[in-house]
Amino acid sequence: MDDRAQIEHAEGRLRAAMLASDVATLDALLSPDLIFTNQVGVRLDKGDDLGAHQSGLLRIEQLDPIEPPLIRLLGDSAVVCVTVQLSGSYDAQPFSGTFAYTRCWHRLPGDQWRIEAAHCSPVVRP
């Protein structure tokens, strides 16, 4: 599988894991040193992200790309930008909207890809 196909596959696994709150798969895909900036500008680490899924605090019901992701390959790294329609609940409070994600993936030996950094922003449509 070429690099682009590997990233597309990893992104698919990430989406499925987020929808299922599959902490084991998320653990494998997220770097131990993950930096995630959420839609309100709060920086979270891997433990925060996994904990929200594991505890049930975060429930994602819809995570549908609006358009194909942009993928930029940079040697053993890749940057992915994708805009999604997202809905679910956080702390039993429903949410929904359009969000833009940017993720930085890094390849480890054995062609294992992990997310090192990610950022989420709400998309305001006129």
C-alpha atoms as a PDB file:
ATOM      1  CA  MET A   1       0.000   0.000   0.000  1.00  0.00           C
ATOM      2  CA  ASP A   2       1.452   3.405  -0.923  1.00  0.00           C
ATOM      3  CA  ASP A   3       1.701   6.290   1.563  1.00  0.00           C
ATOM      4  CA  ARG A   4      -1.497   8.011   0.435  1.00  0.00           C
ATOM      5  CA  ALA A   5      -3.473   4.777   0.750  1.00  0.00           C
ATOM      6  CA  GLN A   6      -1.991   4.200   4.214  1.00  0.00           C
ATOM      7  CA  ILE A   7      -3.124   7.657   5.359  1.00  0.00           C
ATOM      8  CA  GLU A   8      -6.574   7.168   3.837  1.00  0.00           C
ATOM      9  CA  HIS A   9      -6.823   3.840   5.664  1.00  0.00           C
ATOM     10  CA  ALA A  10      -5.654   5.407   8.949  1.00  0.00           C
ATOM     11  CA  GLU A  11      -8.190   8.218   8.569  1.00  0.00           C
ATOM     12  CA  GLY A  12     -10.923   5.631   8.012  1.00  0.00           C
ATOM     13  CA  ARG A  13      -9.876   3.733  11.129  1.00  0.00           C
ATOM     14  CA  LEU A  14      -9.862   6.997  13.091  1.00  0.00           C
ATOM     15  CA  ARG A  15     -13.381   7.903  11.943  1.00  0.00           C
ATOM     16  CA  ALA A  16     -14.734   4.442  12.829  1.00  0.00           C
ATOM     17  CA  ALA A  17     -13.003   4.514  16.227  1.00  0.00           C
ATOM     18  CA  MET A  18     -14.383   7.965  17.041  1.00  0.00           C
ATOM     19  CA  LEU A  19     -17.928   6.885  16.137  1.00  0.00           C
ATOM     20  CA  ALA A  20     -17.654   3.718  18.242  1.00  0.00           C
ATOM     21  CA  SER A  21     -15.623   5.291  21.085  1.00  0.00           C
ATOM     22  CA  ASP A  22     -13.156   2.466  20.398  1.00  0.00           C
ATOM     23  CA  VAL A  23     -10.493   3.449  22.913  1.00  0.00           C
ATOM     24  CA  ALA A  24      -8.105   0.632  21.927  1.00  0.00           C
ATOM     25  CA  THR A  25      -7.967   1.766  18.294  1.00  0.00           C
ATOM     26  CA  LEU A  26      -7.759   5.431  19.285  1.00  0.00           C
ATOM     27  CA  ASP A  27      -4.880   4.543  21.617  1.00  0.00           C
ATOM     28  CA  ALA A  28      -3.034   2.930  18.701  1.00  0.00           C
ATOM     29  CA  LEU A  29      -3.633   5.903  16.379  1.00  0.00           C
ATOM     30  CA  LEU A  30      -2.804   8.740  18.789  1.00  0.00           C
ATOM     31  CA  SER A  31       0.765   9.619  19.719  1.00  0.00           C
ATOM     32  CA  PRO A  32       1.587   9.465  23.437  1.00  0.00           C
ATOM     33  CA  ASP A  33       2.563  13.131  23.036  1.00  0.00           C
ATOM     34  CA  LEU A  34      -0.606  14.186  21.178  1.00  0.00           C
ATOM     35  CA  ILE A  35      -1.527  17.864  21.200  1.00  0.00           C
ATOM     36  CA  PHE A  36      -5.160  18.437  20.232  1.00  0.00           C
ATOM     37  CA  THR A  37      -6.664  21.918  20.119  1.00  0.00           C
ATOM     38  CA  ASN A  38     -10.433  21.612  20.207  1.00  0.00           C
ATOM     39  CA  GLN A  39     -13.088  23.837  18.666  1.00  0.00           C
ATOM     40  CA  VAL A  40     -13.036  26.308  21.586  1.00  0.00           C
ATOM     41  CA  GLY A  41      -9.238  26.577  21.698  1.00  0.00           C
ATOM     42  CA  VAL A  42      -8.585  24.251  24.642  1.00  0.00           C
ATOM     43  CA  ARG A  43      -5.466  22.102  24.350  1.00  0.00           C
ATOM     44  CA  LEU A  44      -5.972  18.470  25.213  1.00  0.00           C
ATOM     45  CA  ASP A  45      -3.589  15.559  25.446  1.00  0.00           C
ATOM     46  CA  LYS A  46      -4.031  11.892  24.613  1.00  0.00           C
ATOM     47  CA  GLY A  47      -5.332  11.062  28.086  1.00  0.00           C
ATOM     48  CA  ASP A  48      -7.989  13.767  27.833  1.00  0.00           C
ATOM     49  CA  ASP A  49      -9.130  12.493  24.452  1.00  0.00           C
ATOM     50  CA  LEU A  50      -9.218   8.819  25.421  1.00  0.00           C
ATOM     51  CA  GLY A  51     -10.836   9.608  28.767  1.00  0.00           C
ATOM     52  CA  ALA A  52     -13.722  11.502  27.151  1.00  0.00           C
ATOM     53  CA  HIS A  53     -14.508   8.479  24.971  1.00  0.00           C
ATOM     54  CA  GLN A  54     -13.956   5.867  27.670  1.00  0.00           C
ATOM     55  CA  SER A  55     -16.119   7.614  30.261  1.00  0.00           C
ATOM     56  CA  GLY A  56     -18.978   8.286  27.854  1.00  0.00           C
ATOM     57  CA  LEU A  57     -18.566  12.035  28.330  1.00  0.00           C
ATOM     58  CA  LEU A  58     -18.193  12.338  24.534  1.00  0.00           C
ATOM     59  CA  ARG A  59     -20.539  10.504  22.185  1.00  0.00           C
ATOM     60  CA  ILE A  60     -20.186  11.025  18.443  1.00  0.00           C
ATOM     61  CA  GLU A  61     -23.197  10.016  16.378  1.00  0.00           C
ATOM     62  CA  GLN A  62     -22.336  11.566  13.007  1.00  0.00           C
ATOM     63  CA  LEU A  63     -18.917  12.257  11.512  1.00  0.00           C
ATOM     64  CA  ASP A  64     -19.392  12.663   7.778  1.00  0.00           C
ATOM     65  CA  PRO A  65     -16.837  14.306   5.502  1.00  0.00           C
ATOM     66  CA  ILE A  66     -18.349  17.048   3.372  1.00  0.00           C
ATOM     67  CA  GLU A  67     -15.657  16.706   0.726  1.00  0.00           C
ATOM     68  CA  PRO A  68     -12.646  14.471   0.165  1.00  0.00           C
ATOM     69  CA  PRO A  69      -9.784  15.218   2.570  1.00  0.00           C
ATOM     70  CA  LEU A  70      -6.748  17.143   1.419  1.00  0.00           C
ATOM     71  CA  ILE A  71      -3.648  15.031   2.044  1.00  0.00           C
ATOM     72  CA  ARG A  72      -0.111  16.426   1.857  1.00  0.00           C
ATOM     73  CA  LEU A  73       2.646  13.831   2.124  1.00  0.00           C
ATOM     74  CA  LEU A  74       5.927  15.043   3.615  1.00  0.00           C
ATOM     75  CA  GLY A  75       8.304  12.091   3.828  1.00  0.00           C
ATOM     76  CA  ASP A  76       7.495  10.269   7.069  1.00  0.00           C
ATOM     77  CA  SER A  77       4.770  12.796   7.886  1.00  0.00           C
ATOM     78  CA  ALA A  78       1.453  13.790   6.405  1.00  0.00           C
ATOM     79  CA  VAL A  79      -0.964  16.658   6.928  1.00  0.00           C
ATOM     80  CA  VAL A  80      -4.663  15.968   6.476  1.00  0.00           C
ATOM     81  CA  CYS A  81      -7.338  18.673   6.266  1.00  0.00           C
ATOM     82  CA  VAL A  82     -10.960  17.594   6.261  1.00  0.00           C
ATOM     83  CA  THR A  83     -14.299  19.316   6.822  1.00  0.00           C
ATOM     84  CA  VAL A  84     -17.025  17.237   8.431  1.00  0.00           C
ATOM     85  CA  GLN A  85     -20.608  17.378   9.538  1.00  0.00           C
ATOM     86  CA  LEU A  86     -20.424  16.350  13.191  1.00  0.00           C
ATOM     87  CA  SER A  87     -23.091  15.646  15.791  1.00  0.00           C
ATOM     88  CA  GLY A  88     -23.278  13.950  19.138  1.00  0.00           C
ATOM     89  CA  SER A  89     -23.232  14.919  22.779  1.00  0.00           C
ATOM     90  CA  TYR A  90     -20.712  16.119  25.326  1.00  0.00           C
ATOM     91  CA  ASP A  91     -21.601  15.778  29.005  1.00  0.00           C
ATOM     92  CA  ALA A  92     -25.145  14.852  27.893  1.00  0.00           C
ATOM     93  CA  GLN A  93     -25.479  18.158  25.992  1.00  0.00           C
ATOM     94  CA  PRO A  94     -26.193  17.706  22.272  1.00  0.00           C
ATOM     95  CA  PHE A  95     -24.056  19.422  19.660  1.00  0.00           C
ATOM     96  CA  SER A  96     -23.915  19.536  15.897  1.00  0.00           C
ATOM     97  CA  GLY A  97     -22.227  21.573  13.252  1.00  0.00           C
ATOM     98  CA  THR A  98     -19.656  21.771  10.530  1.00  0.00           C
ATOM     99  CA  PHE A  99     -16.036  21.522  11.662  1.00  0.00           C
ATOM    100  CA  ALA A 100     -12.662  21.710   9.934  1.00  0.00           C
ATOM    101  CA  TYR A 101      -9.943  19.374  11.207  1.00  0.00           C
ATOM    102  CA  THR A 102      -6.229  19.493  10.525  1.00  0.00           C
ATOM    103  CA  ARG A 103      -4.203  16.470  11.599  1.00  0.00           C
ATOM    104  CA  CYS A 104      -0.453  15.871  11.489  1.00  0.00           C
ATOM    105  CA  TRP A 105       0.401  12.196  11.099  1.00  0.00           C
ATOM    106  CA  HIS A 106       3.879  10.717  11.601  1.00  0.00           C
ATOM    107  CA  ARG A 107       5.073   7.314  10.375  1.00  0.00           C
ATOM    108  CA  LEU A 108       6.794   5.025  12.837  1.00  0.00           C
ATOM    109  CA  PRO A 109       8.831   1.959  11.865  1.00  0.00           C
ATOM    110  CA  GLY A 110       6.664  -0.755  10.359  1.00  0.00           C
ATOM    111  CA  ASP A 111       4.458   1.745   8.530  1.00  0.00           C
ATOM    112  CA  GLN A 112       2.452   2.540  11.657  1.00  0.00           C
ATOM    113  CA  TRP A 113       0.992   6.060  11.470  1.00  0.00           C
ATOM    114  CA  ARG A 114       0.132   8.121  14.552  1.00  0.00           C
ATOM    115  CA  ILE A 115      -1.433  11.536  15.012  1.00  0.00           C
ATOM    116  CA  GLU A 116       1.023  13.924  16.660  1.00  0.00           C
ATOM    117  CA  ALA A 117      -1.085  17.087  16.546  1.00  0.00           C
ATOM    118  CA  ALA A 118      -4.623  18.015  15.579  1.00  0.00           C
ATOM    119  CA  HIS A 119      -6.773  21.130  15.476  1.00  0.00           C
ATOM    120  CA  CYS A 120     -10.528  21.570  15.148  1.00  0.00           C
ATOM    121  CA  SER A 121     -12.368  24.765  14.173  1.00  0.00           C
ATOM    122  CA  PRO A 122     -16.063  25.434  13.707  1.00  0.00           C
ATOM    123  CA  VAL A 123     -16.993  26.401  10.158  1.00  0.00           C
ATOM    124  CA  VAL A 124     -19.467  29.250   9.947  1.00  0.00           C
ATOM    125  CA  ARG A 125     -21.453  29.167   6.754  1.00  0.00           C
ATOM    126  CA  PRO A 126     -23.182  32.388   5.590  1.00  0.00           C
END
